[in-house]
Amino acid sequence: MKDLRSLEEIDKFIDTHELTLLYISREGCSVCHGLLPQVESLLADYPRIETAHIETNEVPDVAGRFNIFAVPVILLFVQGKEYLREARIVHMDLFEEKLNKIYKNMVG
């Protein structure tokens, strides 16, 4: 995952790619750091999704930009529009099911 460190970088990343997934976490969050490897492993099956990681400690304005109240947050954008949001407690099987439907509709 690419690390993004400003709102400008985030906006450019979303606008540049057709399928974008943002993983937003906070330093010191055990849930965030435990979930990240699972998400990265899952995304290996979805090569057309561009991924980025954002630490709220480094980009505090990200919370306001995306209306985030708890971390971790996974956001999937399709052509710049938010299509999927998972936050705090992410059930990986349900997340994969939703992601797979969206991905198949976009990629075929």
PDB file of N, CA and C in Angstrom:
ATOM      1  N   MET A   1       0.844  -1.188   0.000  1.00  0.00           N
ATOM      2  CA  MET A   1       0.000   0.000   0.000  1.00  0.00           C
ATOM      3  C   MET A   1       0.880   1.239   0.000  1.00  0.00           C
ATOM      4  N   LYS A   2       0.425   2.202  -0.745  1.00  0.00           N
ATOM      5  CA  LYS A   2       1.138   3.469  -0.787  1.00  0.00           C
ATOM      6  C   LYS A   2       0.724   4.303   0.436  1.00  0.00           C
ATOM      7  N   ASP A   3       1.684   4.970   1.051  1.00  0.00           N
ATOM      8  CA  ASP A   3       1.379   5.865   2.169  1.00  0.00           C
ATOM      9  C   ASP A   3       1.082   7.260   1.630  1.00  0.00           C
ATOM     10  N   LEU A   4      -0.060   7.805   2.025  1.00  0.00           N
ATOM     11  CA  LEU A   4      -0.428   9.161   1.628  1.00  0.00           C
ATOM     12  C   LEU A   4      -0.355  10.058   2.851  1.00  0.00           C
ATOM     13  N   ARG A   5       0.185  11.265   2.663  1.00  0.00           N
ATOM     14  CA  ARG A   5       0.460  12.124   3.810  1.00  0.00           C
ATOM     15  C   ARG A   5      -0.180  13.514   3.763  1.00  0.00           C
ATOM     16  N   SER A   6      -1.112  13.724   2.816  1.00  0.00           N
ATOM     17  CA  SER A   6      -1.820  15.004   2.766  1.00  0.00           C
ATOM     18  C   SER A   6      -3.161  14.814   2.061  1.00  0.00           C
ATOM     19  N   LEU A   7      -4.084  15.737   2.303  1.00  0.00           N
ATOM     20  CA  LEU A   7      -5.377  15.670   1.628  1.00  0.00           C
ATOM     21  C   LEU A   7      -5.215  15.808   0.122  1.00  0.00           C
ATOM     22  N   GLU A   8      -4.244  16.612  -0.303  1.00  0.00           N
ATOM     23  CA  GLU A   8      -3.992  16.786  -1.732  1.00  0.00           C
ATOM     24  C   GLU A   8      -3.553  15.470  -2.372  1.00  0.00           C
ATOM     25  N   GLU A   9      -2.657  14.750  -1.707  1.00  0.00           N
ATOM     26  CA  GLU A   9      -2.213  13.452  -2.209  1.00  0.00           C
ATOM     27  C   GLU A   9      -3.382  12.472  -2.272  1.00  0.00           C
ATOM     28  N   ILE A  10      -4.231  12.498  -1.259  1.00  0.00           N
ATOM     29  CA  ILE A  10      -5.373  11.593  -1.199  1.00  0.00           C
ATOM     30  C   ILE A  10      -6.326  11.873  -2.358  1.00  0.00           C
ATOM     31  N   ASP A  11      -6.681  13.136  -2.550  1.00  0.00           N
ATOM     32  CA  ASP A  11      -7.600  13.504  -3.621  1.00  0.00           C
ATOM     33  C   ASP A  11      -7.034  13.136  -4.991  1.00  0.00           C
ATOM     34  N   LYS A  12      -5.759  13.397  -5.191  1.00  0.00           N
ATOM     35  CA  LYS A  12      -5.121  13.067  -6.468  1.00  0.00           C
ATOM     36  C   LYS A  12      -5.124  11.553  -6.687  1.00  0.00           C
ATOM     37  N   PHE A  13      -4.846  10.790  -5.644  1.00  0.00           N
ATOM     38  CA  PHE A  13      -4.815   9.329  -5.731  1.00  0.00           C
ATOM     39  C   PHE A  13      -6.193   8.789  -6.130  1.00  0.00           C
ATOM     40  N   ILE A  14      -7.244   9.306  -5.501  1.00  0.00           N
ATOM     41  CA  ILE A  14      -8.611   8.864  -5.807  1.00  0.00           C
ATOM     42  C   ILE A  14      -8.983   9.232  -7.242  1.00  0.00           C
ATOM     43  N   ASP A  15      -8.639  10.447  -7.648  1.00  0.00           N
ATOM     44  CA  ASP A  15      -8.997  10.933  -8.981  1.00  0.00           C
ATOM     45  C   ASP A  15      -8.224  10.245 -10.095  1.00  0.00           C
ATOM     46  N   THR A  16      -7.034   9.751  -9.795  1.00  0.00           N
ATOM     47  CA  THR A  16      -6.155   9.174 -10.802  1.00  0.00           C
ATOM     48  C   THR A  16      -6.516   7.734 -11.160  1.00  0.00           C
ATOM     49  N   HIS A  17      -7.140   7.014 -10.250  1.00  0.00           N
ATOM     50  CA  HIS A  17      -7.385   5.588 -10.452  1.00  0.00           C
ATOM     51  C   HIS A  17      -8.881   5.281 -10.502  1.00  0.00           C
ATOM     52  N   GLU A  18      -9.242   4.303 -11.323  1.00  0.00           N
ATOM     53  CA  GLU A  18     -10.641   3.907 -11.453  1.00  0.00           C
ATOM     54  C   GLU A  18     -11.152   3.235 -10.185  1.00  0.00           C
ATOM     55  N   LEU A  19     -10.360   2.341  -9.620  1.00  0.00           N
ATOM     56  CA  LEU A  19     -10.706   1.642  -8.382  1.00  0.00           C
ATOM     57  C   LEU A  19      -9.665   1.965  -7.329  1.00  0.00           C
ATOM     58  N   THR A  20     -10.099   2.545  -6.234  1.00  0.00           N
ATOM     59  CA  THR A  20      -9.183   2.981  -5.180  1.00  0.00           C
ATOM     60  C   THR A  20      -9.688   2.520  -3.820  1.00  0.00           C
ATOM     61  N   LEU A  21      -8.794   1.960  -3.036  1.00  0.00           N
ATOM     62  CA  LEU A  21      -9.137   1.590  -1.675  1.00  0.00           C
ATOM     63  C   LEU A  21      -8.217   2.342  -0.720  1.00  0.00           C
ATOM     64  N   LEU A  22      -8.832   3.025   0.238  1.00  0.00           N
ATOM     65  CA  LEU A  22      -8.072   3.721   1.279  1.00  0.00           C
ATOM     66  C   LEU A  22      -8.249   2.974   2.589  1.00  0.00           C
ATOM     67  N   TYR A  23      -7.126   2.726   3.258  1.00  0.00           N
ATOM     68  CA  TYR A  23      -7.147   2.127   4.591  1.00  0.00           C
ATOM     69  C   TYR A  23      -6.692   3.215   5.552  1.00  0.00           C
ATOM     70  N   ILE A  24      -7.600   3.625   6.419  1.00  0.00           N
ATOM     71  CA  ILE A  24      -7.316   4.729   7.330  1.00  0.00           C
ATOM     72  C   ILE A  24      -7.205   4.173   8.746  1.00  0.00           C
ATOM     73  N   SER A  25      -6.075   4.478   9.386  1.00  0.00           N
ATOM     74  CA  SER A  25      -5.816   3.954  10.726  1.00  0.00           C
ATOM     75  C   SER A  25      -5.187   5.034  11.598  1.00  0.00           C
ATOM     76  N   ARG A  26      -4.882   4.648  12.810  1.00  0.00           N
ATOM     77  CA  ARG A  26      -4.256   5.571  13.766  1.00  0.00           C
ATOM     78  C   ARG A  26      -3.094   4.848  14.422  1.00  0.00           C
ATOM     79  N   GLU A  27      -2.044   5.549  14.645  1.00  0.00           N
ATOM     80  CA  GLU A  27      -0.889   4.986  15.347  1.00  0.00           C
ATOM     81  C   GLU A  27      -1.327   4.528  16.735  1.00  0.00           C
ATOM     82  N   GLY A  28      -0.891   3.357  17.135  1.00  0.00           N
ATOM     83  CA  GLY A  28      -1.222   2.836  18.450  1.00  0.00           C
ATOM     84  C   GLY A  28      -2.559   2.117  18.530  1.00  0.00           C
ATOM     85  N   CYS A  29      -3.252   1.968  17.420  1.00  0.00           N
ATOM     86  CA  CYS A  29      -4.543   1.284  17.386  1.00  0.00           C
ATOM     87  C   CYS A  29      -4.308  -0.195  17.081  1.00  0.00           C
ATOM     88  N   SER A  30      -4.517  -1.049  18.060  1.00  0.00           N
ATOM     89  CA  SER A  30      -4.239  -2.474  17.873  1.00  0.00           C
ATOM     90  C   SER A  30      -5.185  -3.111  16.859  1.00  0.00           C
ATOM     91  N   VAL A  31      -6.434  -2.680  16.822  1.00  0.00           N
ATOM     92  CA  VAL A  31      -7.385  -3.206  15.835  1.00  0.00           C
ATOM     93  C   VAL A  31      -6.918  -2.828  14.430  1.00  0.00           C
ATOM     94  N   CYS A  32      -6.486  -1.582  14.267  1.00  0.00           N
ATOM     95  CA  CYS A  32      -6.006  -1.103  12.965  1.00  0.00           C
ATOM     96  C   CYS A  32      -4.840  -1.942  12.460  1.00  0.00           C
ATOM     97  N   HIS A  33      -3.887  -2.164  13.326  1.00  0.00           N
ATOM     98  CA  HIS A  33      -2.673  -2.864  12.920  1.00  0.00           C
ATOM     99  C   HIS A  33      -2.890  -4.365  12.785  1.00  0.00           C
ATOM    100  N   GLY A  34      -3.890  -4.913  13.458  1.00  0.00           N
ATOM    101  CA  GLY A  34      -4.219  -6.318  13.298  1.00  0.00           C
ATOM    102  C   GLY A  34      -5.000  -6.594  12.017  1.00  0.00           C
ATOM    103  N   LEU A  35      -5.807  -5.643  11.602  1.00  0.00           N
ATOM    104  CA  LEU A  35      -6.639  -5.805  10.409  1.00  0.00           C
ATOM    105  C   LEU A  35      -5.863  -5.563   9.114  1.00  0.00           C
ATOM    106  N   LEU A  36      -4.893  -4.679   9.155  1.00  0.00           N
ATOM    107  CA  LEU A  36      -4.167  -4.301   7.937  1.00  0.00           C
ATOM    108  C   LEU A  36      -3.600  -5.494   7.166  1.00  0.00           C
ATOM    109  N   PRO A  37      -2.900  -6.436   7.788  1.00  0.00           N
ATOM    110  CA  PRO A  37      -2.368  -7.569   7.020  1.00  0.00           C
ATOM    111  C   PRO A  37      -3.469  -8.425   6.384  1.00  0.00           C
ATOM    112  N   GLN A  38      -4.605  -8.524   7.041  1.00  0.00           N
ATOM    113  CA  GLN A  38      -5.723  -9.279   6.475  1.00  0.00           C
ATOM    114  C   GLN A  38      -6.258  -8.599   5.217  1.00  0.00           C
ATOM    115  N   VAL A  39      -6.377  -7.288   5.275  1.00  0.00           N
ATOM    116  CA  VAL A  39      -6.858  -6.524   4.122  1.00  0.00           C
ATOM    117  C   VAL A  39      -5.852  -6.624   2.977  1.00  0.00           C
ATOM    118  N   GLU A  40      -4.575  -6.469   3.290  1.00  0.00           N
ATOM    119  CA  GLU A  40      -3.547  -6.575   2.251  1.00  0.00           C
ATOM    120  C   GLU A  40      -3.553  -7.951   1.600  1.00  0.00           C
ATOM    121  N   SER A  41      -3.719  -8.991   2.383  1.00  0.00           N
ATOM    122  CA  SER A  41      -3.769 -10.348   1.851  1.00  0.00           C
ATOM    123  C   SER A  41      -4.971 -10.527   0.926  1.00  0.00           C
ATOM    124  N   LEU A  42      -6.122 -10.042   1.340  1.00  0.00           N
ATOM    125  CA  LEU A  42      -7.327 -10.130   0.528  1.00  0.00           C
ATOM    126  C   LEU A  42      -7.163  -9.383  -0.790  1.00  0.00           C
ATOM    127  N   LEU A  43      -6.564  -8.207  -0.735  1.00  0.00           N
ATOM    128  CA  LEU A  43      -6.442  -7.372  -1.929  1.00  0.00           C
ATOM    129  C   LEU A  43      -5.490  -7.944  -2.971  1.00  0.00           C
ATOM    130  N   ALA A  44      -4.712  -8.940  -2.604  1.00  0.00           N
ATOM    131  CA  ALA A  44      -3.844  -9.605  -3.579  1.00  0.00           C
ATOM    132  C   ALA A  44      -4.678 -10.246  -4.690  1.00  0.00           C
ATOM    133  N   ASP A  45      -5.934 -10.575  -4.393  1.00  0.00           N
ATOM    134  CA  ASP A  45      -6.833 -11.171  -5.383  1.00  0.00           C
ATOM    135  C   ASP A  45      -7.543 -10.131  -6.252  1.00  0.00           C
ATOM    136  N   TYR A  46      -7.272  -8.860  -6.005  1.00  0.00           N
ATOM    137  CA  TYR A  46      -7.932  -7.769  -6.729  1.00  0.00           C
ATOM    138  C   TYR A  46      -6.880  -6.802  -7.285  1.00  0.00           C
ATOM    139  N   PRO A  47      -6.159  -7.235  -8.313  1.00  0.00           N
ATOM    140  CA  PRO A  47      -5.010  -6.460  -8.786  1.00  0.00           C
ATOM    141  C   PRO A  47      -5.338  -5.094  -9.387  1.00  0.00           C
ATOM    142  N   ARG A  48      -6.561  -4.862  -9.791  1.00  0.00           N
ATOM    143  CA  ARG A  48      -6.894  -3.573 -10.414  1.00  0.00           C
ATOM    144  C   ARG A  48      -7.283  -2.505  -9.399  1.00  0.00           C
ATOM    145  N   ILE A  49      -7.329  -2.887  -8.120  1.00  0.00           N
ATOM    146  CA  ILE A  49      -7.627  -1.901  -7.078  1.00  0.00           C
ATOM    147  C   ILE A  49      -6.317  -1.298  -6.589  1.00  0.00           C
ATOM    148  N   GLU A  50      -6.197   0.004  -6.728  1.00  0.00           N
ATOM    149  CA  GLU A  50      -5.038   0.736  -6.206  1.00  0.00           C
ATOM    150  C   GLU A  50      -5.285   1.003  -4.726  1.00  0.00           C
ATOM    151  N   THR A  51      -4.285   0.763  -3.900  1.00  0.00           N
ATOM    152  CA  THR A  51      -4.481   0.869  -2.451  1.00  0.00           C
ATOM    153  C   THR A  51      -3.553   1.895  -1.825  1.00  0.00           C
ATOM    154  N   ALA A  52      -4.061   2.518  -0.771  1.00  0.00           N
ATOM    155  CA  ALA A  52      -3.258   3.493  -0.035  1.00  0.00           C
ATOM    156  C   ALA A  52      -3.606   3.422   1.442  1.00  0.00           C
ATOM    157  N   HIS A  53      -2.619   3.780   2.248  1.00  0.00           N
ATOM    158  CA  HIS A  53      -2.755   3.779   3.705  1.00  0.00           C
ATOM    159  C   HIS A  53      -2.583   5.205   4.203  1.00  0.00           C
ATOM    160  N   ILE A  54      -3.441   5.594   5.133  1.00  0.00           N
ATOM    161  CA  ILE A  54      -3.384   6.928   5.709  1.00  0.00           C
ATOM    162  C   ILE A  54      -3.428   6.808   7.224  1.00  0.00           C
ATOM    163  N   GLU A  55      -2.471   7.419   7.890  1.00  0.00           N
ATOM    164  CA  GLU A  55      -2.454   7.490   9.361  1.00  0.00           C
ATOM    165  C   GLU A  55      -3.100   8.811   9.775  1.00  0.00           C
ATOM    166  N   THR A  56      -4.139   8.741  10.604  1.00  0.00           N
ATOM    167  CA  THR A  56      -4.813   9.969  11.021  1.00  0.00           C
ATOM    168  C   THR A  56      -3.890  10.870  11.839  1.00  0.00           C
ATOM    169  N   ASN A  57      -2.868  10.285  12.472  1.00  0.00           N
ATOM    170  CA  ASN A  57      -1.907  11.094  13.222  1.00  0.00           C
ATOM    171  C   ASN A  57      -1.143  12.027  12.274  1.00  0.00           C
ATOM    172  N   GLU A  58      -0.863  11.553  11.051  1.00  0.00           N
ATOM    173  CA  GLU A  58      -0.106  12.336  10.073  1.00  0.00           C
ATOM    174  C   GLU A  58      -1.000  13.261   9.261  1.00  0.00           C
ATOM    175  N   VAL A  59      -2.245  12.867   9.041  1.00  0.00           N
ATOM    176  CA  VAL A  59      -3.195  13.663   8.253  1.00  0.00           C
ATOM    177  C   VAL A  59      -4.484  13.811   9.065  1.00  0.00           C
ATOM    178  N   PRO A  60      -4.468  14.644  10.105  1.00  0.00           N
ATOM    179  CA  PRO A  60      -5.637  14.746  10.982  1.00  0.00           C
ATOM    180  C   PRO A  60      -6.898  15.232  10.265  1.00  0.00           C
ATOM    181  N   ASP A  61      -6.748  15.998   9.185  1.00  0.00           N
ATOM    182  CA  ASP A  61      -7.905  16.515   8.457  1.00  0.00           C
ATOM    183  C   ASP A  61      -8.657  15.435   7.686  1.00  0.00           C
ATOM    184  N   VAL A  62      -8.068  14.250   7.572  1.00  0.00           N
ATOM    185  CA  VAL A  62      -8.723  13.160   6.842  1.00  0.00           C
ATOM    186  C   VAL A  62     -10.034  12.767   7.529  1.00  0.00           C
ATOM    187  N   ALA A  63     -10.100  12.885   8.838  1.00  0.00           N
ATOM    188  CA  ALA A  63     -11.314  12.526   9.576  1.00  0.00           C
ATOM    189  C   ALA A  63     -12.487  13.412   9.152  1.00  0.00           C
ATOM    190  N   GLY A  64     -12.252  14.691   9.063  1.00  0.00           N
ATOM    191  CA  GLY A  64     -13.298  15.609   8.625  1.00  0.00           C
ATOM    192  C   GLY A  64     -13.643  15.449   7.159  1.00  0.00           C
ATOM    193  N   ARG A  65     -12.631  15.212   6.354  1.00  0.00           N
ATOM    194  CA  ARG A  65     -12.830  15.077   4.898  1.00  0.00           C
ATOM    195  C   ARG A  65     -13.750  13.913   4.556  1.00  0.00           C
ATOM    196  N   PHE A  66     -13.620  12.788   5.297  1.00  0.00           N
ATOM    197  CA  PHE A  66     -14.393  11.588   4.999  1.00  0.00           C
ATOM    198  C   PHE A  66     -15.388  11.214   6.104  1.00  0.00           C
ATOM    199  N   ASN A  67     -15.669  12.143   7.025  1.00  0.00           N
ATOM    200  CA  ASN A  67     -16.613  11.892   8.120  1.00  0.00           C
ATOM    201  C   ASN A  67     -16.284  10.614   8.885  1.00  0.00           C
ATOM    202  N   ILE A  68     -15.073  10.552   9.399  1.00  0.00           N
ATOM    203  CA  ILE A  68     -14.600   9.383  10.129  1.00  0.00           C
ATOM    204  C   ILE A  68     -14.664   9.672  11.623  1.00  0.00           C
ATOM    205  N   PHE A  69     -15.309   8.749  12.348  1.00  0.00           N
ATOM    206  CA  PHE A  69     -15.445   8.912  13.790  1.00  0.00           C
ATOM    207  C   PHE A  69     -14.716   7.835  14.571  1.00  0.00           C
ATOM    208  N   ALA A  70     -14.384   6.729  13.915  1.00  0.00           N
ATOM    209  CA  ALA A  70     -13.653   5.635  14.558  1.00  0.00           C
ATOM    210  C   ALA A  70     -12.763   4.976  13.509  1.00  0.00           C
ATOM    211  N   VAL A  71     -11.658   4.411  13.942  1.00  0.00           N
ATOM    212  CA  VAL A  71     -10.750   3.718  13.038  1.00  0.00           C
ATOM    213  C   VAL A  71     -10.651   2.260  13.464  1.00  0.00           C
ATOM    214  N   PRO A  72     -10.261   1.382  12.594  1.00  0.00           N
ATOM    215  CA  PRO A  72      -9.898   1.594  11.201  1.00  0.00           C
ATOM    216  C   PRO A  72     -11.119   1.804  10.311  1.00  0.00           C
ATOM    217  N   VAL A  73     -10.850   2.426   9.162  1.00  0.00           N
ATOM    218  CA  VAL A  73     -11.872   2.639   8.149  1.00  0.00           C
ATOM    219  C   VAL A  73     -11.304   2.186   6.806  1.00  0.00           C
ATOM    220  N   ILE A  74     -12.122   1.456   6.074  1.00  0.00           N
ATOM    221  CA  ILE A  74     -11.774   1.047   4.717  1.00  0.00           C
ATOM    222  C   ILE A  74     -12.776   1.720   3.792  1.00  0.00           C
ATOM    223  N   LEU A  75     -12.265   2.477   2.827  1.00  0.00           N
ATOM    224  CA  LEU A  75     -13.118   3.154   1.858  1.00  0.00           C
ATOM    225  C   LEU A  75     -12.755   2.684   0.461  1.00  0.00           C
ATOM    226  N   LEU A  76     -13.756   2.281  -0.306  1.00  0.00           N
ATOM    227  CA  LEU A  76     -13.540   1.897  -1.695  1.00  0.00           C
ATOM    228  C   LEU A  76     -14.207   2.927  -2.587  1.00  0.00           C
ATOM    229  N   PHE A  77     -13.436   3.461  -3.525  1.00  0.00           N
ATOM    230  CA  PHE A  77     -13.942   4.436  -4.478  1.00  0.00           C
ATOM    231  C   PHE A  77     -13.931   3.840  -5.871  1.00  0.00           C
ATOM    232  N   VAL A  78     -15.019   4.071  -6.593  1.00  0.00           N
ATOM    233  CA  VAL A  78     -15.112   3.666  -7.993  1.00  0.00           C
ATOM    234  C   VAL A  78     -15.304   4.941  -8.797  1.00  0.00           C
ATOM    235  N   GLN A  79     -14.357   5.216  -9.662  1.00  0.00           N
ATOM    236  CA  GLN A  79     -14.358   6.432 -10.478  1.00  0.00           C
ATOM    237  C   GLN A  79     -14.596   7.678  -9.618  1.00  0.00           C
ATOM    238  N   GLY A  80     -13.911   7.716  -8.475  1.00  0.00           N
ATOM    239  CA  GLY A  80     -13.950   8.885  -7.601  1.00  0.00           C
ATOM    240  C   GLY A  80     -15.121   8.962  -6.645  1.00  0.00           C
ATOM    241  N   LYS A  81     -16.048   8.003  -6.719  1.00  0.00           N
ATOM    242  CA  LYS A  81     -17.210   8.019  -5.832  1.00  0.00           C
ATOM    243  C   LYS A  81     -17.109   6.886  -4.812  1.00  0.00           C
ATOM    244  N   GLU A  82     -17.464   7.196  -3.573  1.00  0.00           N
ATOM    245  CA  GLU A  82     -17.410   6.186  -2.524  1.00  0.00           C
ATOM    246  C   GLU A  82     -18.504   5.137  -2.736  1.00  0.00           C
ATOM    247  N   TYR A  83     -18.081   3.882  -2.823  1.00  0.00           N
ATOM    248  CA  TYR A  83     -19.009   2.781  -3.032  1.00  0.00           C
ATOM    249  C   TYR A  83     -19.127   1.867  -1.821  1.00  0.00           C
ATOM    250  N   LEU A  84     -18.098   1.839  -0.990  1.00  0.00           N
ATOM    251  CA  LEU A  84     -18.086   0.914   0.132  1.00  0.00           C
ATOM    252  C   LEU A  84     -17.332   1.531   1.294  1.00  0.00           C
ATOM    253  N   ARG A  85     -17.903   1.353   2.488  1.00  0.00           N
ATOM    254  CA  ARG A  85     -17.272   1.861   3.709  1.00  0.00           C
ATOM    255  C   ARG A  85     -17.429   0.811   4.797  1.00  0.00           C
ATOM    256  N   GLU A  86     -16.320   0.446   5.390  1.00  0.00           N
ATOM    257  CA  GLU A  86     -16.316  -0.459   6.536  1.00  0.00           C
ATOM    258  C   GLU A  86     -15.518   0.240   7.631  1.00  0.00           C
ATOM    259  N   ALA A  87     -16.014   0.172   8.855  1.00  0.00           N
ATOM    260  CA  ALA A  87     -15.337   0.876   9.939  1.00  0.00           C
ATOM    261  C   ALA A  87     -15.335   0.049  11.220  1.00  0.00           C
ATOM    262  N   ARG A  88     -14.307   0.306  12.013  1.00  0.00           N
ATOM    263  CA  ARG A  88     -14.081  -0.255  13.339  1.00  0.00           C
ATOM    264  C   ARG A  88     -13.989  -1.781  13.344  1.00  0.00           C
ATOM    265  N   ILE A  89     -15.103  -2.477  13.444  1.00  0.00           N
ATOM    266  CA  ILE A  89     -15.083  -3.935  13.435  1.00  0.00           C
ATOM    267  C   ILE A  89     -15.462  -4.392  12.024  1.00  0.00           C
ATOM    268  N   VAL A  90     -14.487  -4.912  11.303  1.00  0.00           N
ATOM    269  CA  VAL A  90     -14.696  -5.321   9.917  1.00  0.00           C
ATOM    270  C   VAL A  90     -14.768  -6.844   9.860  1.00  0.00           C
ATOM    271  N   HIS A  91     -15.884  -7.361   9.407  1.00  0.00           N
ATOM    272  CA  HIS A  91     -16.047  -8.800   9.205  1.00  0.00           C
ATOM    273  C   HIS A  91     -15.507  -9.112   7.817  1.00  0.00           C
ATOM    274  N   MET A  92     -14.351  -9.752   7.787  1.00  0.00           N
ATOM    275  CA  MET A  92     -13.638  -9.932   6.526  1.00  0.00           C
ATOM    276  C   MET A  92     -14.446 -10.715   5.493  1.00  0.00           C
ATOM    277  N   ASP A  93     -15.211 -11.708   5.904  1.00  0.00           N
ATOM    278  CA  ASP A  93     -15.984 -12.474   4.932  1.00  0.00           C
ATOM    279  C   ASP A  93     -17.062 -11.611   4.275  1.00  0.00           C
ATOM    280  N   LEU A  94     -17.752 -10.781   5.043  1.00  0.00           N
ATOM    281  CA  LEU A  94     -18.760  -9.879   4.490  1.00  0.00           C
ATOM    282  C   LEU A  94     -18.118  -8.793   3.628  1.00  0.00           C
ATOM    283  N   PHE A  95     -16.991  -8.279   4.086  1.00  0.00           N
ATOM    284  CA  PHE A  95     -16.270  -7.266   3.319  1.00  0.00           C
ATOM    285  C   PHE A  95     -15.848  -7.841   1.968  1.00  0.00           C
ATOM    286  N   GLU A  96     -15.321  -9.061   1.983  1.00  0.00           N
ATOM    287  CA  GLU A  96     -14.882  -9.691   0.732  1.00  0.00           C
ATOM    288  C   GLU A  96     -16.060  -9.911  -0.219  1.00  0.00           C
ATOM    289  N   GLU A  97     -17.188 -10.304   0.319  1.00  0.00           N
ATOM    290  CA  GLU A  97     -18.379 -10.515  -0.503  1.00  0.00           C
ATOM    291  C   GLU A  97     -18.803  -9.218  -1.197  1.00  0.00           C
ATOM    292  N   LYS A  98     -18.859  -8.139  -0.450  1.00  0.00           N
ATOM    293  CA  LYS A  98     -19.228  -6.835  -1.022  1.00  0.00           C
ATOM    294  C   LYS A  98     -18.201  -6.374  -2.045  1.00  0.00           C
ATOM    295  N   LEU A  99     -16.927  -6.499  -1.687  1.00  0.00           N
ATOM    296  CA  LEU A  99     -15.846  -6.080  -2.574  1.00  0.00           C
ATOM    297  C   LEU A  99     -15.883  -6.874  -3.872  1.00  0.00           C
ATOM    298  N   ASN A 100     -16.110  -8.159  -3.768  1.00  0.00           N
ATOM    299  CA  ASN A 100     -16.134  -9.027  -4.935  1.00  0.00           C
ATOM    300  C   ASN A 100     -17.252  -8.633  -5.900  1.00  0.00           C
ATOM    301  N   LYS A 101     -18.426  -8.313  -5.383  1.00  0.00           N
ATOM    302  CA  LYS A 101     -19.547  -7.883  -6.236  1.00  0.00           C
ATOM    303  C   LYS A 101     -19.208  -6.611  -7.004  1.00  0.00           C
ATOM    304  N   ILE A 102     -18.675  -5.647  -6.304  1.00  0.00           N
ATOM    305  CA  ILE A 102     -18.315  -4.383  -6.946  1.00  0.00           C
ATOM    306  C   ILE A 102     -17.222  -4.601  -7.986  1.00  0.00           C
ATOM    307  N   TYR A 103     -16.222  -5.369  -7.621  1.00  0.00           N
ATOM    308  CA  TYR A 103     -15.085  -5.623  -8.509  1.00  0.00           C
ATOM    309  C   TYR A 103     -15.539  -6.328  -9.784  1.00  0.00           C
ATOM    310  N   LYS A 104     -16.376  -7.346  -9.651  1.00  0.00           N
ATOM    311  CA  LYS A 104     -16.859  -8.075 -10.830  1.00  0.00           C
ATOM    312  C   LYS A 104     -17.669  -7.176 -11.742  1.00  0.00           C
ATOM    313  N   ASN A 105     -18.465  -6.286 -11.174  1.00  0.00           N
ATOM    314  CA  ASN A 105     -19.251  -5.347 -11.992  1.00  0.00           C
ATOM    315  C   ASN A 105     -18.360  -4.376 -12.746  1.00  0.00           C
ATOM    316  N   MET A 106     -17.246  -4.008 -12.144  1.00  0.00           N
ATOM    317  CA  MET A 106     -16.345  -3.038 -12.783  1.00  0.00           C
ATOM    318  C   MET A 106     -15.383  -3.694 -13.773  1.00  0.00           C
ATOM    319  N   VAL A 107     -14.848  -4.833 -13.388  1.00  0.00           N
ATOM    320  CA  VAL A 107     -13.782  -5.463 -14.174  1.00  0.00           C
ATOM    321  C   VAL A 107     -14.337  -6.539 -15.105  1.00  0.00           C
ATOM    322  N   GLY A 108     -15.370  -7.226 -14.650  1.00  0.00           N
ATOM    323  CA  GLY A 108     -15.974  -8.273 -15.476  1.00  0.00           C
ATOM    324  C   GLY A 108     -15.566  -9.657 -15.107  1.00  0.00           C
TER     325      GLY A 108
END
